[in-house]
Amino acid sequence: MVLSVYSIYWGLSRINPYGFPRDIPMFRLETCRLSTQANNTRTENVMAIVARKSSIVRKTAETDIELQLDLDGTGKNQIRTGVPFLDHMLTLFSVHGFVDLSVRAEGDTQVDDHHTVEDIGICLGQALAAALADKGGIARYGSCYLPMDETLVRVVVDISNRPFLHYAAVVTEQKLGTFDTALAKEFFRAVCQHGGLTLHIDLLHGENGHHIIEAIFKGFGRAMHKATTVIEMKGALSSKGCL
């Protein structure tokens, strides 16, 4: 008996009669062809949906975090990090990136929010890497210009397996509520390092600190949505054959 397995990535409109846009990330279909050497005239194809989901648990002396991610969601979320401003930002990432995200975190916020924010970034990066597996069959690149009132940011991502963060978005306010605005950069640094992302974030213009960081999280969600779009190819989008 001979078993051959190959993967085909299909966009939603390939299998849905209602004509959703093809650039909506959906899921991987694995086709298994089963044949016998004695009778090659009989073949049997079995389709199985492989969901792009992941679950991460991180427990240290400073934080206790559980995070679940579904790249092919609809923007559903349940966020409880103990850092209200980060809850708001992760909700925006989920909604505007069309991913389902659940985060429960407890941390030493009596010290400050640094450990909690950074460790959630680590978990999100790990979850992205796990959900994308070998990073095959995706568009790989994504970009977004995101306006919010007077603010305009540009977010560009390459799911390259080469972690790098360029972050040029100065916020003049040191605090937004109780949130230390410098932690936004630390969050994205952790996501890049553990998710294998090359990420460029630029503030083109803007003044209001809340608008700037909110636009960044929305833009990151949308850029990741584009980069994780399913395309019809096997393996990673690279001349090397892998990332």
C-alpha atoms as a PDB file:
ATOM      1  CA  MET A   1       0.000   0.000   0.000  1.00  0.00           C
ATOM      2  CA  VAL A   2       1.323   3.413  -0.988  1.00  0.00           C
ATOM      3  CA  LEU A   3       0.315   6.600   0.839  1.00  0.00           C
ATOM      4  CA  SER A   4       1.185  10.017  -0.573  1.00  0.00           C
ATOM      5  CA  VAL A   5       0.289  13.233   1.210  1.00  0.00           C
ATOM      6  CA  TYR A   6       0.390  16.753  -0.165  1.00  0.00           C
ATOM      7  CA  SER A   7      -1.031  20.046   1.029  1.00  0.00           C
ATOM      8  CA  ILE A   8      -3.135  22.509  -0.913  1.00  0.00           C
ATOM      9  CA  TYR A   9      -3.992  25.926   0.466  1.00  0.00           C
ATOM     10  CA  TRP A  10      -7.327  27.252  -0.695  1.00  0.00           C
ATOM     11  CA  GLY A  11      -8.931  30.662  -0.225  1.00  0.00           C
ATOM     12  CA  LEU A  12     -12.454  30.815   1.081  1.00  0.00           C
ATOM     13  CA  SER A  13     -14.059  31.523  -2.288  1.00  0.00           C
ATOM     14  CA  ARG A  14     -12.627  28.259  -3.643  1.00  0.00           C
ATOM     15  CA  ILE A  15     -15.068  26.233  -1.575  1.00  0.00           C
ATOM     16  CA  ASN A  16     -17.749  28.724  -0.569  1.00  0.00           C
ATOM     17  CA  PRO A  17     -20.495  29.419  -3.135  1.00  0.00           C
ATOM     18  CA  TYR A  18     -21.242  32.850  -1.703  1.00  0.00           C
ATOM     19  CA  GLY A  19     -18.221  34.485  -3.321  1.00  0.00           C
ATOM     20  CA  PHE A  20     -16.244  35.856  -0.377  1.00  0.00           C
ATOM     21  CA  PRO A  21     -13.057  37.693  -1.448  1.00  0.00           C
ATOM     22  CA  ARG A  22     -10.192  35.335  -2.216  1.00  0.00           C
ATOM     23  CA  ASP A  23      -7.762  37.252  -0.028  1.00  0.00           C
ATOM     24  CA  ILE A  24      -9.523  36.139   3.148  1.00  0.00           C
ATOM     25  CA  PRO A  25      -7.231  33.662   4.925  1.00  0.00           C
ATOM     26  CA  MET A  26      -9.050  30.438   5.508  1.00  0.00           C
ATOM     27  CA  PHE A  27      -7.441  27.089   6.223  1.00  0.00           C
ATOM     28  CA  ARG A  28      -5.217  24.376   4.818  1.00  0.00           C
ATOM     29  CA  LEU A  29      -6.738  21.378   3.107  1.00  0.00           C
ATOM     30  CA  GLU A  30      -4.605  18.263   3.245  1.00  0.00           C
ATOM     31  CA  THR A  31      -5.319  15.723   0.534  1.00  0.00           C
ATOM     32  CA  CYS A  32      -4.326  12.131   1.168  1.00  0.00           C
ATOM     33  CA  ARG A  33      -4.278   9.824  -1.848  1.00  0.00           C
ATOM     34  CA  LEU A  34      -4.469   6.180  -0.951  1.00  0.00           C
ATOM     35  CA  SER A  35      -3.826   3.501  -3.578  1.00  0.00           C
ATOM     36  CA  THR A  36      -2.990  -0.184  -3.577  1.00  0.00           C
ATOM     37  CA  GLN A  37      -0.254  -1.759  -5.665  1.00  0.00           C
ATOM     38  CA  ALA A  38      -2.525  -4.656  -6.528  1.00  0.00           C
ATOM     39  CA  ASN A  39      -5.242  -2.496  -8.004  1.00  0.00           C
ATOM     40  CA  ASN A  40      -4.100   0.928  -9.128  1.00  0.00           C
ATOM     41  CA  THR A  41      -7.426   1.661 -10.709  1.00  0.00           C
ATOM     42  CA  ARG A  42      -8.886   2.444  -7.326  1.00  0.00           C
ATOM     43  CA  THR A  43      -7.850   5.658  -5.627  1.00  0.00           C
ATOM     44  CA  GLU A  44      -9.419   7.337  -2.657  1.00  0.00           C
ATOM     45  CA  ASN A  45      -9.039  11.007  -1.757  1.00  0.00           C
ATOM     46  CA  VAL A  46      -9.658  12.203   1.759  1.00  0.00           C
ATOM     47  CA  MET A  47      -9.905  15.901   2.563  1.00  0.00           C
ATOM     48  CA  ALA A  48      -9.132  17.108   6.087  1.00  0.00           C
ATOM     49  CA  ILE A  49      -9.292  20.688   7.327  1.00  0.00           C
ATOM     50  CA  VAL A  50      -6.153  21.751   9.167  1.00  0.00           C
ATOM     51  CA  ALA A  51      -6.987  24.757  11.322  1.00  0.00           C
ATOM     52  CA  ARG A  52      -4.419  27.506  11.820  1.00  0.00           C
ATOM     53  CA  LYS A  53      -4.799  27.690  15.578  1.00  0.00           C
ATOM     54  CA  SER A  54      -2.410  27.656  18.512  1.00  0.00           C
ATOM     55  CA  SER A  55      -2.417  27.785  22.284  1.00  0.00           C
ATOM     56  CA  ILE A  56       0.420  29.069  24.450  1.00  0.00           C
ATOM     57  CA  VAL A  57       0.923  28.838  28.214  1.00  0.00           C
ATOM     58  CA  ARG A  58       3.723  30.776  29.900  1.00  0.00           C
ATOM     59  CA  LYS A  59       4.261  30.720  33.641  1.00  0.00           C
ATOM     60  CA  THR A  60       7.217  32.456  35.294  1.00  0.00           C
ATOM     61  CA  ALA A  61       7.962  34.034  38.646  1.00  0.00           C
ATOM     62  CA  GLU A  62       6.655  37.304  37.157  1.00  0.00           C
ATOM     63  CA  THR A  63       3.703  36.335  34.942  1.00  0.00           C
ATOM     64  CA  ASP A  64       1.118  33.619  34.345  1.00  0.00           C
ATOM     65  CA  ILE A  65      -0.319  33.766  30.818  1.00  0.00           C
ATOM     66  CA  GLU A  66      -2.663  31.672  28.670  1.00  0.00           C
ATOM     67  CA  LEU A  67      -3.191  32.718  25.046  1.00  0.00           C
ATOM     68  CA  GLN A  68      -5.236  31.141  22.256  1.00  0.00           C
ATOM     69  CA  LEU A  69      -5.086  32.310  18.634  1.00  0.00           C
ATOM     70  CA  ASP A  70      -7.092  31.430  15.526  1.00  0.00           C
ATOM     71  CA  LEU A  71      -5.767  33.081  12.383  1.00  0.00           C
ATOM     72  CA  ASP A  72      -8.918  32.221  10.469  1.00  0.00           C
ATOM     73  CA  GLY A  73     -11.355  33.763  12.880  1.00  0.00           C
ATOM     74  CA  THR A  74     -13.760  36.668  12.642  1.00  0.00           C
ATOM     75  CA  GLY A  75     -12.325  39.044  15.217  1.00  0.00           C
ATOM     76  CA  LYS A  76     -13.840  37.470  18.316  1.00  0.00           C
ATOM     77  CA  ASN A  77     -11.806  38.145  21.436  1.00  0.00           C
ATOM     78  CA  GLN A  78     -11.697  37.783  25.172  1.00  0.00           C
ATOM     79  CA  ILE A  79      -8.846  39.799  26.654  1.00  0.00           C
ATOM     80  CA  ARG A  80      -8.003  40.082  30.357  1.00  0.00           C
ATOM     81  CA  THR A  81      -4.368  41.051  30.846  1.00  0.00           C
ATOM     82  CA  GLY A  82      -4.523  43.192  33.985  1.00  0.00           C
ATOM     83  CA  VAL A  83      -3.321  46.119  31.840  1.00  0.00           C
ATOM     84  CA  PRO A  84      -6.467  47.930  30.619  1.00  0.00           C
ATOM     85  CA  PHE A  85      -4.800  49.879  27.808  1.00  0.00           C
ATOM     86  CA  LEU A  86      -3.226  46.677  26.441  1.00  0.00           C
ATOM     87  CA  ASP A  87      -6.630  44.973  26.604  1.00  0.00           C
ATOM     88  CA  HIS A  88      -7.938  47.732  24.344  1.00  0.00           C
ATOM     89  CA  MET A  89      -5.018  47.451  21.910  1.00  0.00           C
ATOM     90  CA  LEU A  90      -5.210  43.648  21.626  1.00  0.00           C
ATOM     91  CA  THR A  91      -8.942  43.913  20.998  1.00  0.00           C
ATOM     92  CA  LEU A  92      -8.188  46.263  18.104  1.00  0.00           C
ATOM     93  CA  PHE A  93      -5.546  43.878  16.743  1.00  0.00           C
ATOM     94  CA  SER A  94      -8.078  41.034  16.845  1.00  0.00           C
ATOM     95  CA  VAL A  95     -10.962  42.929  15.264  1.00  0.00           C
ATOM     96  CA  HIS A  96      -9.007  44.647  12.491  1.00  0.00           C
ATOM     97  CA  GLY A  97      -6.837  41.591  11.806  1.00  0.00           C
ATOM     98  CA  PHE A  98      -9.825  39.207  11.630  1.00  0.00           C
ATOM     99  CA  VAL A  99      -8.255  36.827  14.160  1.00  0.00           C
ATOM    100  CA  ASP A 100      -9.877  35.243  17.177  1.00  0.00           C
ATOM    101  CA  LEU A 101      -7.797  35.945  20.271  1.00  0.00           C
ATOM    102  CA  SER A 102      -8.138  34.951  23.891  1.00  0.00           C
ATOM    103  CA  VAL A 103      -5.662  36.183  26.503  1.00  0.00           C
ATOM    104  CA  ARG A 104      -5.715  35.683  30.253  1.00  0.00           C
ATOM    105  CA  ALA A 105      -2.765  37.123  32.119  1.00  0.00           C
ATOM    106  CA  GLU A 106      -1.713  37.779  35.679  1.00  0.00           C
ATOM    107  CA  GLY A 107       1.503  39.637  36.378  1.00  0.00           C
ATOM    108  CA  ASP A 108       3.430  41.658  38.917  1.00  0.00           C
ATOM    109  CA  THR A 109       1.690  44.870  37.904  1.00  0.00           C
ATOM    110  CA  GLN A 110       2.234  46.174  41.424  1.00  0.00           C
ATOM    111  CA  VAL A 111       5.838  46.704  40.234  1.00  0.00           C
ATOM    112  CA  ASP A 112       4.854  48.028  36.805  1.00  0.00           C
ATOM    113  CA  ASP A 113       3.350  46.690  33.572  1.00  0.00           C
ATOM    114  CA  HIS A 114       6.638  45.873  31.857  1.00  0.00           C
ATOM    115  CA  HIS A 115       6.850  42.142  32.564  1.00  0.00           C
ATOM    116  CA  THR A 116       3.205  41.528  31.681  1.00  0.00           C
ATOM    117  CA  VAL A 117       3.282  43.494  28.422  1.00  0.00           C
ATOM    118  CA  GLU A 118       6.558  41.965  27.253  1.00  0.00           C
ATOM    119  CA  ASP A 119       5.557  38.400  28.152  1.00  0.00           C
ATOM    120  CA  ILE A 120       2.241  38.730  26.340  1.00  0.00           C
ATOM    121  CA  GLY A 121       4.245  39.864  23.312  1.00  0.00           C
ATOM    122  CA  ILE A 122       6.380  36.729  23.676  1.00  0.00           C
ATOM    123  CA  CYS A 123       3.259  34.551  23.820  1.00  0.00           C
ATOM    124  CA  LEU A 124       1.636  36.229  20.817  1.00  0.00           C
ATOM    125  CA  GLY A 125       4.813  35.769  18.782  1.00  0.00           C
ATOM    126  CA  GLN A 126       5.013  32.095  19.775  1.00  0.00           C
ATOM    127  CA  ALA A 127       1.338  31.633  18.921  1.00  0.00           C
ATOM    128  CA  LEU A 128       1.795  33.161  15.467  1.00  0.00           C
ATOM    129  CA  ALA A 129       4.810  30.946  14.792  1.00  0.00           C
ATOM    130  CA  ALA A 130       2.975  27.816  15.945  1.00  0.00           C
ATOM    131  CA  ALA A 131      -0.181  28.573  13.931  1.00  0.00           C
ATOM    132  CA  LEU A 132       1.841  29.177  10.756  1.00  0.00           C
ATOM    133  CA  ALA A 133       3.991  26.065  11.224  1.00  0.00           C
ATOM    134  CA  ASP A 134       6.498  26.012   8.322  1.00  0.00           C
ATOM    135  CA  LYS A 135       5.086  29.326   7.021  1.00  0.00           C
ATOM    136  CA  GLY A 136       4.177  27.620   3.757  1.00  0.00           C
ATOM    137  CA  GLY A 137       1.317  28.562   1.471  1.00  0.00           C
ATOM    138  CA  ILE A 138       0.955  32.168   2.647  1.00  0.00           C
ATOM    139  CA  ALA A 139       1.520  35.523   0.970  1.00  0.00           C
ATOM    140  CA  ARG A 140       4.305  36.223   3.498  1.00  0.00           C
ATOM    141  CA  TYR A 141       4.297  40.024   3.012  1.00  0.00           C
ATOM    142  CA  GLY A 142       1.730  42.503   4.255  1.00  0.00           C
ATOM    143  CA  SER A 143       1.477  46.255   4.618  1.00  0.00           C
ATOM    144  CA  CYS A 144      -1.015  48.830   5.824  1.00  0.00           C
ATOM    145  CA  TYR A 145      -1.326  52.594   5.904  1.00  0.00           C
ATOM    146  CA  LEU A 146      -3.638  53.288   8.816  1.00  0.00           C
ATOM    147  CA  PRO A 147      -5.121  56.735   9.495  1.00  0.00           C
ATOM    148  CA  MET A 148      -6.743  57.827  12.723  1.00  0.00           C
ATOM    149  CA  ASP A 149      -7.792  61.467  12.723  1.00  0.00           C
ATOM    150  CA  GLU A 150      -4.560  63.495  12.551  1.00  0.00           C
ATOM    151  CA  THR A 151      -2.394  60.360  12.746  1.00  0.00           C
ATOM    152  CA  LEU A 152      -1.072  58.226   9.896  1.00  0.00           C
ATOM    153  CA  VAL A 153       1.100  55.164  10.462  1.00  0.00           C
ATOM    154  CA  ARG A 154       2.662  52.647   8.104  1.00  0.00           C
ATOM    155  CA  VAL A 155       3.109  49.026   9.166  1.00  0.00           C
ATOM    156  CA  VAL A 156       4.959  46.560   6.935  1.00  0.00           C
ATOM    157  CA  VAL A 157       5.624  42.922   7.821  1.00  0.00           C
ATOM    158  CA  ASP A 158       7.567  40.047   6.303  1.00  0.00           C
ATOM    159  CA  ILE A 159       6.973  36.628   7.884  1.00  0.00           C
ATOM    160  CA  SER A 160      10.588  35.845   7.177  1.00  0.00           C
ATOM    161  CA  ASN A 161      11.795  33.804  10.156  1.00  0.00           C
ATOM    162  CA  ARG A 162      14.382  36.583  10.596  1.00  0.00           C
ATOM    163  CA  PRO A 163      13.352  38.649  13.631  1.00  0.00           C
ATOM    164  CA  PHE A 164      13.864  42.380  13.212  1.00  0.00           C
ATOM    165  CA  LEU A 165      11.966  45.419  14.463  1.00  0.00           C
ATOM    166  CA  HIS A 166      12.209  48.950  13.106  1.00  0.00           C
ATOM    167  CA  TYR A 167      10.055  51.176  15.302  1.00  0.00           C
ATOM    168  CA  ALA A 168       9.968  54.885  14.511  1.00  0.00           C
ATOM    169  CA  ALA A 169       6.871  56.161  16.297  1.00  0.00           C
ATOM    170  CA  VAL A 170       7.671  58.727  18.951  1.00  0.00           C
ATOM    171  CA  VAL A 171       4.922  59.397  21.481  1.00  0.00           C
ATOM    172  CA  THR A 172       5.458  62.524  23.546  1.00  0.00           C
ATOM    173  CA  GLU A 173       3.215  61.387  26.405  1.00  0.00           C
ATOM    174  CA  GLN A 174       5.067  59.136  28.837  1.00  0.00           C
ATOM    175  CA  LYS A 175       1.796  57.767  30.179  1.00  0.00           C
ATOM    176  CA  LEU A 176      -1.614  57.107  28.673  1.00  0.00           C
ATOM    177  CA  GLY A 177      -3.703  56.537  31.752  1.00  0.00           C
ATOM    178  CA  THR A 178      -1.466  54.184  33.713  1.00  0.00           C
ATOM    179  CA  PHE A 179       0.162  52.690  30.608  1.00  0.00           C
ATOM    180  CA  ASP A 180       3.834  53.449  29.956  1.00  0.00           C
ATOM    181  CA  THR A 181       3.907  54.284  26.244  1.00  0.00           C
ATOM    182  CA  ALA A 182       7.489  53.004  25.878  1.00  0.00           C
ATOM    183  CA  LEU A 183       6.117  49.499  26.430  1.00  0.00           C
ATOM    184  CA  ALA A 184       4.461  49.478  22.996  1.00  0.00           C
ATOM    185  CA  LYS A 185       7.883  49.107  21.376  1.00  0.00           C
ATOM    186  CA  GLU A 186       8.867  46.392  23.888  1.00  0.00           C
ATOM    187  CA  PHE A 187       5.688  44.501  23.049  1.00  0.00           C
ATOM    188  CA  PHE A 188       6.393  44.479  19.316  1.00  0.00           C
ATOM    189  CA  ARG A 189      10.044  43.612  19.866  1.00  0.00           C
ATOM    190  CA  ALA A 190       8.941  40.490  21.751  1.00  0.00           C
ATOM    191  CA  VAL A 191       6.396  39.576  19.060  1.00  0.00           C
ATOM    192  CA  CYS A 192       9.062  39.845  16.347  1.00  0.00           C
ATOM    193  CA  GLN A 193      11.681  37.861  18.217  1.00  0.00           C
ATOM    194  CA  HIS A 194       9.380  34.968  19.010  1.00  0.00           C
ATOM    195  CA  GLY A 195       7.238  35.072  15.876  1.00  0.00           C
ATOM    196  CA  GLY A 196      10.077  35.283  13.349  1.00  0.00           C
ATOM    197  CA  LEU A 197       8.812  38.567  11.925  1.00  0.00           C
ATOM    198  CA  THR A 198      10.566  41.400  10.147  1.00  0.00           C
ATOM    199  CA  LEU A 199       8.430  44.382  11.126  1.00  0.00           C
ATOM    200  CA  HIS A 200       8.712  48.046  10.187  1.00  0.00           C
ATOM    201  CA  ILE A 201       6.515  50.564  12.005  1.00  0.00           C
ATOM    202  CA  ASP A 202       6.670  54.236  11.042  1.00  0.00           C
ATOM    203  CA  LEU A 203       4.683  57.227  12.254  1.00  0.00           C
ATOM    204  CA  LEU A 204       4.281  59.401   9.169  1.00  0.00           C
ATOM    205  CA  HIS A 205       2.549  62.147  11.112  1.00  0.00           C
ATOM    206  CA  GLY A 206       0.463  62.512  14.233  1.00  0.00           C
ATOM    207  CA  GLU A 207       0.319  64.135  17.646  1.00  0.00           C
ATOM    208  CA  ASN A 208      -2.057  62.306  19.961  1.00  0.00           C
ATOM    209  CA  GLY A 209      -0.336  59.408  21.724  1.00  0.00           C
ATOM    210  CA  HIS A 210      -3.484  57.308  22.012  1.00  0.00           C
ATOM    211  CA  HIS A 211      -4.211  57.739  18.310  1.00  0.00           C
ATOM    212  CA  ILE A 212      -0.642  56.788  17.384  1.00  0.00           C
ATOM    213  CA  ILE A 213      -0.491  53.536  19.369  1.00  0.00           C
ATOM    214  CA  GLU A 214      -4.045  52.587  18.429  1.00  0.00           C
ATOM    215  CA  ALA A 215      -3.275  53.073  14.736  1.00  0.00           C
ATOM    216  CA  ILE A 216      -0.160  50.923  15.115  1.00  0.00           C
ATOM    217  CA  PHE A 217      -2.062  47.987  16.622  1.00  0.00           C
ATOM    218  CA  LYS A 218      -4.824  48.249  14.019  1.00  0.00           C
ATOM    219  CA  GLY A 219      -2.244  48.490  11.243  1.00  0.00           C
ATOM    220  CA  PHE A 220      -0.337  45.505  12.596  1.00  0.00           C
ATOM    221  CA  GLY A 221      -3.520  43.435  12.604  1.00  0.00           C
ATOM    222  CA  ARG A 222      -4.354  44.368   9.023  1.00  0.00           C
ATOM    223  CA  ALA A 223      -0.777  43.850   7.757  1.00  0.00           C
ATOM    224  CA  MET A 224      -0.656  40.402   9.399  1.00  0.00           C
ATOM    225  CA  HIS A 225      -4.024  39.561   7.852  1.00  0.00           C
ATOM    226  CA  LYS A 226      -2.577  40.261   4.422  1.00  0.00           C
ATOM    227  CA  ALA A 227       0.697  38.443   5.117  1.00  0.00           C
ATOM    228  CA  THR A 228      -1.078  35.306   6.326  1.00  0.00           C
ATOM    229  CA  THR A 229      -3.428  35.223   3.333  1.00  0.00           C
ATOM    230  CA  VAL A 230      -3.547  31.740   1.867  1.00  0.00           C
ATOM    231  CA  ILE A 231      -2.081  31.396  -1.631  1.00  0.00           C
ATOM    232  CA  GLU A 232      -2.088  28.437  -3.989  1.00  0.00           C
ATOM    233  CA  MET A 233       1.386  27.102  -3.566  1.00  0.00           C
ATOM    234  CA  LYS A 234       3.112  24.371  -1.630  1.00  0.00           C
ATOM    235  CA  GLY A 235       5.861  25.320   0.795  1.00  0.00           C
ATOM    236  CA  ALA A 236       7.292  28.669   1.795  1.00  0.00           C
ATOM    237  CA  LEU A 237       7.390  31.642  -0.572  1.00  0.00           C
ATOM    238  CA  SER A 238      11.164  31.710  -0.913  1.00  0.00           C
ATOM    239  CA  SER A 239      13.671  30.976  -3.677  1.00  0.00           C
ATOM    240  CA  LYS A 240      15.567  28.947  -1.058  1.00  0.00           C
ATOM    241  CA  GLY A 241      12.628  26.623  -0.600  1.00  0.00           C
ATOM    242  CA  CYS A 242      12.301  27.301   3.113  1.00  0.00           C
ATOM    243  CA  LEU A 243      12.487  30.126   5.626  1.00  0.00           C
END
